[in-house]
Amino acid sequence: MARVERVDEVWVTLGQQVAASRRAAGISQQRLASLVEYSRSTIANAETGRQHVPRGFWVRCDEALGTGTALAR
């Protein structure tokens, strides 16, 4: 497997984790967007791995979703 494909898999997996955490918390994409101060489309794109967001995004998601450091580590 090429390195690029592995990196893409990491983004997709991380996005799936934030989506699952968000759903488990009963929070909509729009609500999470307002909590982390990013747009709803950024949330949607990050959840599918289409958008590579900075570490600060994941830190804010951890804080908003109460996931410790699960997303930002």
N, C-alpha and C. Protein backbone atom coordinates (compact mmCIF):
# COMPACT_ATOMS: atom_id res chain seq x y z
N MET A 1 0.85 -1.19 0.00
CA MET A 1 0.00 0.00 0.00
C MET A 1 0.89 1.24 0.00
N ALA A 2 0.57 2.19 -0.81
CA ALA A 2 1.34 3.43 -0.91
C ALA A 2 1.14 4.28 0.33
N ARG A 3 2.15 5.06 0.65
CA ARG A 3 2.10 5.92 1.82
C ARG A 3 0.91 6.87 1.78
N VAL A 4 0.61 7.43 0.63
CA VAL A 4 -0.51 8.36 0.48
C VAL A 4 -1.82 7.68 0.84
N GLU A 5 -1.98 6.45 0.41
CA GLU A 5 -3.21 5.71 0.73
C GLU A 5 -3.33 5.48 2.23
N ARG A 6 -2.21 5.19 2.91
CA ARG A 6 -2.24 4.98 4.36
C ARG A 6 -2.61 6.27 5.08
N VAL A 7 -2.06 7.38 4.62
CA VAL A 7 -2.37 8.67 5.23
C VAL A 7 -3.86 8.97 5.04
N ASP A 8 -4.37 8.72 3.84
CA ASP A 8 -5.79 8.94 3.59
C ASP A 8 -6.65 8.08 4.49
N GLU A 9 -6.24 6.85 4.73
CA GLU A 9 -6.97 5.96 5.62
C GLU A 9 -7.02 6.51 7.04
N VAL A 10 -5.92 7.11 7.48
CA VAL A 10 -5.87 7.70 8.82
C VAL A 10 -6.88 8.83 8.93
N TRP A 11 -6.95 9.69 7.91
CA TRP A 11 -7.92 10.80 7.94
C TRP A 11 -9.35 10.27 7.97
N VAL A 12 -9.63 9.23 7.19
CA VAL A 12 -10.98 8.66 7.16
C VAL A 12 -11.31 8.04 8.51
N THR A 13 -10.38 7.30 9.09
CA THR A 13 -10.61 6.67 10.39
C THR A 13 -10.84 7.71 11.47
N LEU A 14 -10.04 8.74 11.48
CA LEU A 14 -10.20 9.82 12.45
C LEU A 14 -11.56 10.50 12.29
N GLY A 15 -11.95 10.73 11.05
CA GLY A 15 -13.25 11.31 10.78
C GLY A 15 -14.39 10.43 11.26
N GLN A 16 -14.25 9.13 11.08
CA GLN A 16 -15.27 8.19 11.56
C GLN A 16 -15.36 8.23 13.07
N GLN A 17 -14.22 8.39 13.74
CA GLN A 17 -14.22 8.47 15.20
C GLN A 17 -14.95 9.72 15.70
N VAL A 18 -14.70 10.85 15.06
CA VAL A 18 -15.39 12.06 15.50
C VAL A 18 -16.89 11.96 15.21
N ALA A 19 -17.25 11.37 14.09
CA ALA A 19 -18.67 11.21 13.77
C ALA A 19 -19.36 10.30 14.78
N ALA A 20 -18.71 9.19 15.12
CA ALA A 20 -19.29 8.26 16.09
C ALA A 20 -19.40 8.92 17.47
N SER A 21 -18.38 9.67 17.86
CA SER A 21 -18.41 10.37 19.15
C SER A 21 -19.51 11.43 19.18
N ARG A 22 -19.65 12.13 18.08
CA ARG A 22 -20.68 13.16 17.98
C ARG A 22 -22.07 12.54 18.09
N ARG A 23 -22.30 11.46 17.36
CA ARG A 23 -23.60 10.79 17.41
C ARG A 23 -23.87 10.23 18.80
N ALA A 24 -22.86 9.64 19.42
CA ALA A 24 -23.02 9.07 20.77
C ALA A 24 -23.38 10.16 21.77
N ALA A 25 -22.88 11.36 21.55
CA ALA A 25 -23.17 12.49 22.43
C ALA A 25 -24.52 13.13 22.10
N GLY A 26 -25.14 12.68 21.01
CA GLY A 26 -26.43 13.25 20.61
C GLY A 26 -26.32 14.67 20.09
N ILE A 27 -25.20 14.97 19.45
CA ILE A 27 -24.95 16.32 18.95
C ILE A 27 -25.00 16.31 17.42
N SER A 28 -25.68 17.28 16.86
CA SER A 28 -25.73 17.41 15.40
C SER A 28 -24.43 18.01 14.89
N GLN A 29 -24.21 17.89 13.59
CA GLN A 29 -23.05 18.52 12.98
C GLN A 29 -23.09 20.03 13.20
N GLN A 30 -24.26 20.61 13.06
CA GLN A 30 -24.39 22.06 13.23
C GLN A 30 -24.05 22.48 14.65
N ARG A 31 -24.50 21.73 15.64
CA ARG A 31 -24.21 22.05 17.04
C ARG A 31 -22.71 21.91 17.31
N LEU A 32 -22.11 20.82 16.83
CA LEU A 32 -20.67 20.65 17.03
C LEU A 32 -19.91 21.78 16.36
N ALA A 33 -20.34 22.17 15.18
CA ALA A 33 -19.69 23.28 14.48
C ALA A 33 -19.68 24.54 15.33
N SER A 34 -20.80 24.84 15.96
CA SER A 34 -20.84 26.05 16.78
C SER A 34 -19.98 25.90 18.04
N LEU A 35 -19.90 24.70 18.57
CA LEU A 35 -19.08 24.47 19.77
C LEU A 35 -17.59 24.59 19.49
N VAL A 36 -17.17 24.14 18.31
CA VAL A 36 -15.73 24.16 17.99
C VAL A 36 -15.33 25.34 17.11
N GLU A 37 -16.31 26.16 16.74
CA GLU A 37 -16.10 27.37 15.95
C GLU A 37 -15.52 27.07 14.57
N TYR A 38 -16.07 26.04 13.95
CA TYR A 38 -15.81 25.72 12.55
C TYR A 38 -17.16 25.61 11.87
N SER A 39 -17.18 25.59 10.55
CA SER A 39 -18.45 25.49 9.83
C SER A 39 -18.99 24.06 9.85
N ARG A 40 -20.28 23.94 9.62
CA ARG A 40 -20.90 22.61 9.54
C ARG A 40 -20.30 21.81 8.39
N SER A 41 -19.98 22.48 7.29
CA SER A 41 -19.39 21.77 6.16
C SER A 41 -17.99 21.25 6.50
N THR A 42 -17.25 21.98 7.32
CA THR A 42 -15.95 21.47 7.77
C THR A 42 -16.14 20.22 8.60
N ILE A 43 -17.12 20.23 9.48
CA ILE A 43 -17.42 19.03 10.29
C ILE A 43 -17.74 17.86 9.36
N ALA A 44 -18.63 18.08 8.42
CA ALA A 44 -19.04 17.01 7.49
C ALA A 44 -17.85 16.50 6.69
N ASN A 45 -17.03 17.40 6.18
CA ASN A 45 -15.87 17.00 5.38
C ASN A 45 -14.82 16.28 6.22
N ALA A 46 -14.60 16.74 7.44
CA ALA A 46 -13.64 16.08 8.33
C ALA A 46 -14.13 14.68 8.69
N GLU A 47 -15.43 14.54 8.90
CA GLU A 47 -16.00 13.23 9.27
C GLU A 47 -15.83 12.19 8.16
N THR A 48 -15.74 12.63 6.94
CA THR A 48 -15.58 11.69 5.83
C THR A 48 -14.12 11.61 5.35
N GLY A 49 -13.24 12.40 5.95
CA GLY A 49 -11.84 12.38 5.55
C GLY A 49 -11.53 13.20 4.33
N ARG A 50 -12.52 13.96 3.84
CA ARG A 50 -12.30 14.78 2.64
C ARG A 50 -11.51 16.04 2.92
N GLN A 51 -11.57 16.50 4.18
CA GLN A 51 -10.86 17.74 4.52
C GLN A 51 -9.87 17.44 5.64
N HIS A 52 -8.64 17.83 5.44
CA HIS A 52 -7.60 17.63 6.44
C HIS A 52 -7.50 18.90 7.27
N VAL A 53 -8.01 18.82 8.47
CA VAL A 53 -8.09 19.98 9.35
C VAL A 53 -6.91 19.98 10.32
N PRO A 54 -6.58 21.15 10.88
CA PRO A 54 -5.43 21.22 11.79
C PRO A 54 -5.72 20.53 13.13
N ARG A 55 -4.65 20.27 13.87
CA ARG A 55 -4.76 19.59 15.16
C ARG A 55 -5.71 20.34 16.10
N GLY A 56 -5.71 21.65 16.04
CA GLY A 56 -6.59 22.44 16.91
C GLY A 56 -8.06 22.06 16.75
N PHE A 57 -8.46 21.69 15.56
CA PHE A 57 -9.83 21.24 15.32
C PHE A 57 -10.13 20.01 16.18
N TRP A 58 -9.20 19.05 16.17
CA TRP A 58 -9.40 17.81 16.91
C TRP A 58 -9.38 18.06 18.41
N VAL A 59 -8.53 18.98 18.86
CA VAL A 59 -8.49 19.34 20.27
C VAL A 59 -9.84 19.92 20.69
N ARG A 60 -10.38 20.81 19.88
CA ARG A 60 -11.69 21.41 20.19
C ARG A 60 -12.80 20.36 20.18
N CYS A 61 -12.72 19.41 19.24
CA CYS A 61 -13.72 18.33 19.21
C CYS A 61 -13.63 17.48 20.47
N ASP A 62 -12.40 17.15 20.89
CA ASP A 62 -12.23 16.39 22.13
C ASP A 62 -12.88 17.12 23.30
N GLU A 63 -12.66 18.42 23.39
CA GLU A 63 -13.22 19.21 24.48
C GLU A 63 -14.75 19.24 24.41
N ALA A 64 -15.28 19.46 23.22
CA ALA A 64 -16.73 19.57 23.05
C ALA A 64 -17.44 18.24 23.27
N LEU A 65 -16.78 17.15 22.90
CA LEU A 65 -17.41 15.83 22.97
C LEU A 65 -17.03 15.05 24.23
N GLY A 66 -16.12 15.60 25.03
CA GLY A 66 -15.69 14.93 26.24
C GLY A 66 -14.95 13.63 25.97
N THR A 67 -14.14 13.61 24.93
CA THR A 67 -13.42 12.39 24.54
C THR A 67 -11.97 12.38 25.02
N GLY A 68 -11.65 13.22 25.99
CA GLY A 68 -10.27 13.26 26.49
C GLY A 68 -9.35 13.77 25.40
N THR A 69 -8.39 12.93 25.02
CA THR A 69 -7.48 13.28 23.94
C THR A 69 -7.58 12.25 22.81
N ALA A 70 -8.68 11.55 22.75
CA ALA A 70 -8.84 10.46 21.79
C ALA A 70 -8.68 10.91 20.34
N LEU A 71 -9.14 12.11 20.02
CA LEU A 71 -9.09 12.57 18.64
C LEU A 71 -7.80 13.33 18.33
N ALA A 72 -7.31 14.11 19.27
CA ALA A 72 -6.15 14.97 19.02
C ALA A 72 -4.82 14.25 19.17
N ARG A 73 -4.81 13.08 19.77
CA ARG A 73 -3.52 12.42 19.97
C ARG A 73 -3.01 11.92 18.70
